[in-house]
């Protein structure tokens, strides 16, 4: 269990930090994905900041302050549920794999954190 917790949490941190940077620098694939669901480019810095905050919170939780890690994982789950819903509403199924993958990582991180540490 400890190994799965470490691997999944670190993977989730790295993935969210990377996509946060991509949002902040307005990478072409981010702009295309956002356009597919009707998200204006002006939202990208805010969305990137939320993803970055989630990654930072998971890192702080991983390093010892468990309640922040749980809160960050919950926040990322809610964020990516919203992203998947946005893709479904826009019928942008071709671009839904990425947010669904991030959602899976966030759910796995949350579940493993709760199982390993009892939620705090």
N, C-alpha and C. Protein backbone atom coordinates (compact mmCIF):
# COMPACT_ATOMS: atom_id res chain seq x y z
N UNK A 1 0.82 -1.19 0.00
CA UNK A 1 0.00 0.00 0.00
C UNK A 1 0.87 1.26 0.00
N UNK A 2 1.94 1.24 0.79
CA UNK A 2 2.80 2.41 0.88
C UNK A 2 3.44 2.73 -0.47
N UNK A 3 3.83 1.71 -1.19
CA UNK A 3 4.46 1.92 -2.49
C UNK A 3 3.47 2.49 -3.49
N UNK A 4 2.27 1.94 -3.52
CA UNK A 4 1.23 2.47 -4.42
C UNK A 4 0.92 3.91 -4.09
N UNK A 5 0.79 4.23 -2.79
CA UNK A 5 0.54 5.60 -2.35
C UNK A 5 1.62 6.53 -2.87
N UNK A 6 2.88 6.14 -2.68
CA UNK A 6 3.99 7.00 -3.11
C UNK A 6 4.01 7.19 -4.62
N UNK A 7 3.88 6.12 -5.35
CA UNK A 7 3.96 6.21 -6.82
C UNK A 7 2.81 7.03 -7.39
N UNK A 8 1.59 6.73 -6.98
CA UNK A 8 0.42 7.43 -7.53
C UNK A 8 0.43 8.89 -7.12
N UNK A 9 0.77 9.18 -5.87
CA UNK A 9 0.77 10.57 -5.42
C UNK A 9 1.84 11.38 -6.14
N UNK A 10 3.03 10.84 -6.27
CA UNK A 10 4.09 11.56 -6.98
C UNK A 10 3.70 11.74 -8.46
N UNK A 11 3.14 10.72 -9.07
CA UNK A 11 2.69 10.84 -10.45
C UNK A 11 1.62 11.92 -10.60
N UNK A 12 0.70 11.97 -9.66
CA UNK A 12 -0.35 12.99 -9.69
C UNK A 12 0.23 14.39 -9.51
N UNK A 13 1.18 14.53 -8.62
CA UNK A 13 1.84 15.82 -8.41
C UNK A 13 2.53 16.28 -9.69
N UNK A 14 3.32 15.40 -10.27
CA UNK A 14 4.08 15.76 -11.48
C UNK A 14 3.15 16.07 -12.64
N UNK A 15 2.12 15.25 -12.83
CA UNK A 15 1.19 15.47 -13.94
C UNK A 15 0.46 16.80 -13.80
N UNK A 16 0.00 17.11 -12.60
CA UNK A 16 -0.73 18.36 -12.40
C UNK A 16 0.18 19.58 -12.46
N UNK A 17 1.39 19.44 -11.97
CA UNK A 17 2.35 20.54 -12.09
C UNK A 17 2.66 20.80 -13.56
N UNK A 18 2.83 19.75 -14.34
CA UNK A 18 3.14 19.90 -15.76
C UNK A 18 1.99 20.56 -16.53
N UNK A 19 0.75 20.12 -16.26
CA UNK A 19 -0.38 20.71 -16.99
C UNK A 19 -0.64 22.13 -16.51
N UNK A 20 -0.32 22.43 -15.26
CA UNK A 20 -0.44 23.80 -14.77
C UNK A 20 0.51 24.72 -15.53
N UNK A 21 1.74 24.27 -15.72
CA UNK A 21 2.71 25.06 -16.49
C UNK A 21 2.23 25.21 -17.94
N UNK A 22 1.71 24.14 -18.52
CA UNK A 22 1.19 24.21 -19.89
C UNK A 22 0.06 25.24 -19.99
N UNK A 23 -0.81 25.27 -18.99
CA UNK A 23 -1.88 26.27 -18.97
C UNK A 23 -1.29 27.67 -18.88
N UNK A 24 -0.34 27.86 -18.01
CA UNK A 24 0.22 29.19 -17.78
C UNK A 24 0.99 29.73 -18.99
N UNK A 25 1.62 28.83 -19.75
CA UNK A 25 2.36 29.29 -20.94
C UNK A 25 1.50 29.21 -22.20
N UNK A 26 0.23 28.83 -22.02
CA UNK A 26 -0.73 28.74 -23.13
C UNK A 26 -0.23 27.85 -24.27
N UNK A 27 0.13 26.65 -23.90
CA UNK A 27 0.59 25.68 -24.90
C UNK A 27 -0.50 25.46 -25.94
N UNK A 28 -0.09 25.17 -27.16
CA UNK A 28 -1.05 25.01 -28.26
C UNK A 28 -2.10 23.95 -27.97
N UNK A 29 -1.68 22.82 -27.42
CA UNK A 29 -2.66 21.76 -27.15
C UNK A 29 -3.66 22.19 -26.08
N UNK A 30 -3.23 23.02 -25.15
CA UNK A 30 -4.14 23.53 -24.12
C UNK A 30 -5.15 24.48 -24.76
N UNK A 31 -4.68 25.35 -25.63
CA UNK A 31 -5.58 26.28 -26.31
C UNK A 31 -6.61 25.52 -27.16
N UNK A 32 -6.16 24.48 -27.85
CA UNK A 32 -7.07 23.70 -28.68
C UNK A 32 -8.10 22.96 -27.82
N UNK A 33 -7.64 22.36 -26.74
CA UNK A 33 -8.54 21.63 -25.85
C UNK A 33 -9.55 22.58 -25.21
N UNK A 34 -9.09 23.73 -24.79
CA UNK A 34 -9.98 24.73 -24.19
C UNK A 34 -11.02 25.22 -25.19
N UNK A 35 -10.59 25.46 -26.41
CA UNK A 35 -11.51 25.91 -27.45
C UNK A 35 -12.58 24.86 -27.74
N UNK A 36 -12.20 23.60 -27.66
CA UNK A 36 -13.15 22.51 -27.93
C UNK A 36 -14.31 22.49 -26.95
N UNK A 37 -14.08 22.99 -25.73
CA UNK A 37 -15.14 22.99 -24.73
C UNK A 37 -15.66 24.39 -24.42
N UNK A 38 -15.18 25.38 -25.16
CA UNK A 38 -15.68 26.74 -24.99
C UNK A 38 -15.10 27.49 -23.81
N UNK A 39 -13.92 27.10 -23.35
CA UNK A 39 -13.26 27.82 -22.26
C UNK A 39 -12.42 28.94 -22.87
N UNK A 40 -12.69 30.19 -22.48
CA UNK A 40 -11.92 31.30 -23.04
C UNK A 40 -10.46 31.27 -22.59
N UNK A 41 -9.55 31.69 -23.46
CA UNK A 41 -8.12 31.71 -23.10
C UNK A 41 -7.83 32.54 -21.85
N UNK A 42 -8.65 33.51 -21.54
CA UNK A 42 -8.43 34.34 -20.35
C UNK A 42 -8.59 33.55 -19.05
N UNK A 43 -9.22 32.38 -19.11
CA UNK A 43 -9.37 31.55 -17.92
C UNK A 43 -8.14 30.70 -17.63
N UNK A 44 -7.27 30.54 -18.62
CA UNK A 44 -6.15 29.61 -18.46
C UNK A 44 -5.24 29.91 -17.27
N UNK A 45 -4.89 31.17 -17.01
CA UNK A 45 -4.05 31.40 -15.82
C UNK A 45 -4.73 30.95 -14.52
N UNK A 46 -6.03 31.16 -14.42
CA UNK A 46 -6.77 30.75 -13.22
C UNK A 46 -6.84 29.23 -13.12
N UNK A 47 -7.11 28.58 -14.23
CA UNK A 47 -7.17 27.12 -14.22
C UNK A 47 -5.80 26.52 -13.92
N UNK A 48 -4.77 27.11 -14.50
CA UNK A 48 -3.41 26.66 -14.22
C UNK A 48 -3.03 26.85 -12.76
N UNK A 49 -3.46 27.97 -12.20
CA UNK A 49 -3.18 28.23 -10.78
C UNK A 49 -3.88 27.20 -9.89
N UNK A 50 -5.11 26.84 -10.24
CA UNK A 50 -5.82 25.82 -9.45
C UNK A 50 -5.12 24.47 -9.53
N UNK A 51 -4.70 24.10 -10.72
CA UNK A 51 -3.99 22.81 -10.87
C UNK A 51 -2.66 22.85 -10.12
N UNK A 52 -1.96 23.97 -10.22
CA UNK A 52 -0.70 24.12 -9.51
C UNK A 52 -0.89 24.07 -8.00
N UNK A 53 -1.95 24.71 -7.51
CA UNK A 53 -2.25 24.68 -6.08
C UNK A 53 -2.56 23.25 -5.64
N UNK A 54 -3.28 22.51 -6.49
CA UNK A 54 -3.57 21.11 -6.17
C UNK A 54 -2.29 20.29 -6.08
N UNK A 55 -1.40 20.49 -7.03
CA UNK A 55 -0.12 19.77 -7.01
C UNK A 55 0.69 20.15 -5.77
N UNK A 56 0.73 21.43 -5.45
CA UNK A 56 1.48 21.88 -4.27
C UNK A 56 0.88 21.32 -2.99
N UNK A 57 -0.45 21.31 -2.91
CA UNK A 57 -1.11 20.75 -1.73
C UNK A 57 -0.84 19.27 -1.57
N UNK A 58 -0.87 18.54 -2.68
CA UNK A 58 -0.53 17.12 -2.61
C UNK A 58 0.91 16.92 -2.14
N UNK A 59 1.80 17.77 -2.62
CA UNK A 59 3.21 17.66 -2.21
C UNK A 59 3.36 17.92 -0.71
N UNK A 60 2.71 18.97 -0.23
CA UNK A 60 2.78 19.27 1.21
C UNK A 60 2.19 18.11 2.01
N UNK A 61 1.09 17.55 1.54
CA UNK A 61 0.51 16.39 2.20
C UNK A 61 1.44 15.19 2.18
N UNK A 62 2.08 14.99 1.05
CA UNK A 62 3.02 13.88 0.89
C UNK A 62 4.20 14.03 1.85
N UNK A 63 4.60 15.27 2.07
CA UNK A 63 5.75 15.54 2.93
C UNK A 63 5.40 15.56 4.42
N UNK A 64 4.11 15.42 4.75
CA UNK A 64 3.80 15.28 6.16
C UNK A 64 2.55 15.95 6.67
N UNK A 65 2.06 17.01 6.03
CA UNK A 65 0.85 17.67 6.52
C UNK A 65 -0.34 17.05 5.81
N UNK A 66 -0.77 15.89 6.29
CA UNK A 66 -1.77 15.06 5.63
C UNK A 66 -3.10 15.76 5.34
N UNK A 67 -3.63 16.59 6.26
CA UNK A 67 -4.93 17.21 5.96
C UNK A 67 -4.90 18.07 4.69
N UNK A 68 -3.79 18.74 4.45
CA UNK A 68 -3.70 19.54 3.23
C UNK A 68 -3.64 18.64 2.00
N UNK A 69 -2.98 17.52 2.12
CA UNK A 69 -2.94 16.57 1.01
C UNK A 69 -4.32 16.03 0.67
N UNK A 70 -5.09 15.72 1.69
CA UNK A 70 -6.46 15.24 1.47
C UNK A 70 -7.29 16.33 0.83
N UNK A 71 -7.19 17.55 1.36
CA UNK A 71 -7.96 18.67 0.80
C UNK A 71 -7.57 18.93 -0.65
N UNK A 72 -6.29 18.86 -0.96
CA UNK A 72 -5.83 19.07 -2.33
C UNK A 72 -6.36 17.98 -3.25
N UNK A 73 -6.33 16.75 -2.79
CA UNK A 73 -6.85 15.64 -3.61
C UNK A 73 -8.34 15.82 -3.86
N UNK A 74 -9.09 16.20 -2.84
CA UNK A 74 -10.53 16.45 -3.01
C UNK A 74 -10.74 17.58 -4.02
N UNK A 75 -9.96 18.65 -3.89
CA UNK A 75 -10.07 19.77 -4.82
C UNK A 75 -9.79 19.35 -6.26
N UNK A 76 -8.76 18.53 -6.45
CA UNK A 76 -8.44 18.07 -7.80
C UNK A 76 -9.53 17.15 -8.35
N UNK A 77 -10.09 16.31 -7.50
CA UNK A 77 -11.19 15.45 -7.95
C UNK A 77 -12.35 16.33 -8.43
N UNK A 78 -12.73 17.31 -7.63
CA UNK A 78 -13.84 18.19 -8.02
C UNK A 78 -13.52 18.98 -9.28
N UNK A 79 -12.29 19.47 -9.39
CA UNK A 79 -11.88 20.23 -10.57
C UNK A 79 -12.02 19.38 -11.83
N UNK A 80 -11.51 18.15 -11.77
CA UNK A 80 -11.53 17.32 -12.97
C UNK A 80 -12.89 16.69 -13.24
N UNK A 81 -13.73 16.54 -12.23
CA UNK A 81 -15.12 16.17 -12.49
C UNK A 81 -15.76 17.29 -13.32
N UNK A 82 -15.49 18.52 -12.92
CA UNK A 82 -16.00 19.66 -13.69
C UNK A 82 -15.47 19.68 -15.12
N UNK A 83 -14.20 19.34 -15.29
CA UNK A 83 -13.62 19.32 -16.63
C UNK A 83 -14.26 18.23 -17.49
N UNK A 84 -14.47 17.07 -16.92
CA UNK A 84 -15.12 15.98 -17.67
C UNK A 84 -16.55 16.38 -18.03
N UNK A 85 -17.26 16.97 -17.09
CA UNK A 85 -18.63 17.43 -17.36
C UNK A 85 -18.63 18.46 -18.47
N UNK A 86 -17.67 19.38 -18.46
CA UNK A 86 -17.58 20.38 -19.52
C UNK A 86 -17.36 19.73 -20.87
N UNK A 87 -16.53 18.70 -20.91
CA UNK A 87 -16.30 18.00 -22.18
C UNK A 87 -17.55 17.26 -22.66
N UNK A 88 -18.25 16.65 -21.73
CA UNK A 88 -19.49 15.94 -22.10
C UNK A 88 -20.53 16.93 -22.60
N UNK A 89 -20.70 18.03 -21.89
CA UNK A 89 -21.71 19.03 -22.30
C UNK A 89 -21.39 19.60 -23.67
N UNK A 90 -20.09 19.77 -23.97
CA UNK A 90 -19.69 20.31 -25.27
C UNK A 90 -19.60 19.22 -26.33
N UNK A 91 -19.87 17.99 -25.94
CA UNK A 91 -19.72 16.83 -26.82
C UNK A 91 -18.32 16.75 -27.43
N UNK A 92 -17.33 17.13 -26.62
CA UNK A 92 -15.93 17.12 -27.04
C UNK A 92 -15.29 15.81 -26.57
N UNK A 93 -15.83 14.72 -27.05
CA UNK A 93 -15.38 13.40 -26.60
C UNK A 93 -13.96 13.10 -27.03
N UNK A 94 -13.53 13.65 -28.15
CA UNK A 94 -12.19 13.37 -28.66
C UNK A 94 -11.11 13.96 -27.76
N UNK A 95 -11.45 14.98 -26.98
CA UNK A 95 -10.46 15.61 -26.12
C UNK A 95 -10.70 15.30 -24.64
N UNK A 96 -11.57 14.35 -24.35
CA UNK A 96 -11.92 14.05 -22.97
C UNK A 96 -10.95 13.10 -22.28
N UNK A 97 -10.09 12.44 -23.00
CA UNK A 97 -9.19 11.47 -22.38
C UNK A 97 -8.25 12.12 -21.36
N UNK A 98 -7.75 13.30 -21.67
CA UNK A 98 -6.81 13.95 -20.74
C UNK A 98 -7.48 14.29 -19.41
N UNK A 99 -8.59 15.03 -19.40
CA UNK A 99 -9.18 15.32 -18.09
C UNK A 99 -9.66 14.06 -17.37
N UNK A 100 -10.10 13.06 -18.10
CA UNK A 100 -10.51 11.81 -17.47
C UNK A 100 -9.30 11.12 -16.82
N UNK A 101 -8.16 11.17 -17.47
CA UNK A 101 -6.94 10.60 -16.90
C UNK A 101 -6.50 11.33 -15.64
N UNK A 102 -6.56 12.66 -15.69
CA UNK A 102 -6.22 13.45 -14.50
C UNK A 102 -7.21 13.17 -13.37
N UNK A 103 -8.47 13.01 -13.72
CA UNK A 103 -9.48 12.67 -12.71
C UNK A 103 -9.15 11.32 -12.08
N UNK A 104 -8.78 10.35 -12.89
CA UNK A 104 -8.41 9.04 -12.36
C UNK A 104 -7.23 9.13 -11.39
N UNK A 105 -6.23 9.92 -11.75
CA UNK A 105 -5.08 10.09 -10.86
C UNK A 105 -5.50 10.76 -9.55
N UNK A 106 -6.34 11.78 -9.64
CA UNK A 106 -6.78 12.48 -8.43
C UNK A 106 -7.60 11.56 -7.53
N UNK A 107 -8.49 10.78 -8.12
CA UNK A 107 -9.30 9.83 -7.33
C UNK A 107 -8.39 8.79 -6.67
N UNK A 108 -7.44 8.28 -7.43
CA UNK A 108 -6.52 7.28 -6.86
C UNK A 108 -5.68 7.88 -5.74
N UNK A 109 -5.21 9.10 -5.92
CA UNK A 109 -4.44 9.76 -4.86
C UNK A 109 -5.27 9.95 -3.61
N UNK A 110 -6.50 10.41 -3.79
CA UNK A 110 -7.39 10.61 -2.64
C UNK A 110 -7.65 9.28 -1.94
N UNK A 111 -8.01 8.27 -2.69
CA UNK A 111 -8.32 6.96 -2.09
C UNK A 111 -7.12 6.38 -1.35
N UNK A 112 -5.96 6.45 -1.98
CA UNK A 112 -4.77 5.89 -1.32
C UNK A 112 -4.34 6.69 -0.10
N UNK A 113 -4.53 8.00 -0.15
CA UNK A 113 -4.22 8.83 1.02
C UNK A 113 -5.13 8.47 2.18
N UNK A 114 -6.42 8.38 1.89
CA UNK A 114 -7.38 8.05 2.95
C UNK A 114 -7.12 6.64 3.50
N UNK A 115 -6.87 5.70 2.61
CA UNK A 115 -6.60 4.33 3.07
C UNK A 115 -5.32 4.25 3.89
N UNK A 116 -4.30 4.97 3.45
CA UNK A 116 -3.00 4.90 4.15
C UNK A 116 -3.02 5.66 5.46
N UNK A 117 -3.63 6.82 5.50
CA UNK A 117 -3.51 7.69 6.66
C UNK A 117 -4.82 7.91 7.40
N UNK A 118 -5.89 7.33 6.94
CA UNK A 118 -7.16 7.51 7.64
C UNK A 118 -7.78 8.87 7.43
N UNK A 119 -7.40 9.56 6.34
CA UNK A 119 -8.02 10.85 6.01
C UNK A 119 -7.30 12.05 6.56
N UNK A 120 -6.39 11.89 7.49
CA UNK A 120 -5.67 13.07 8.01
C UNK A 120 -4.33 12.67 8.58
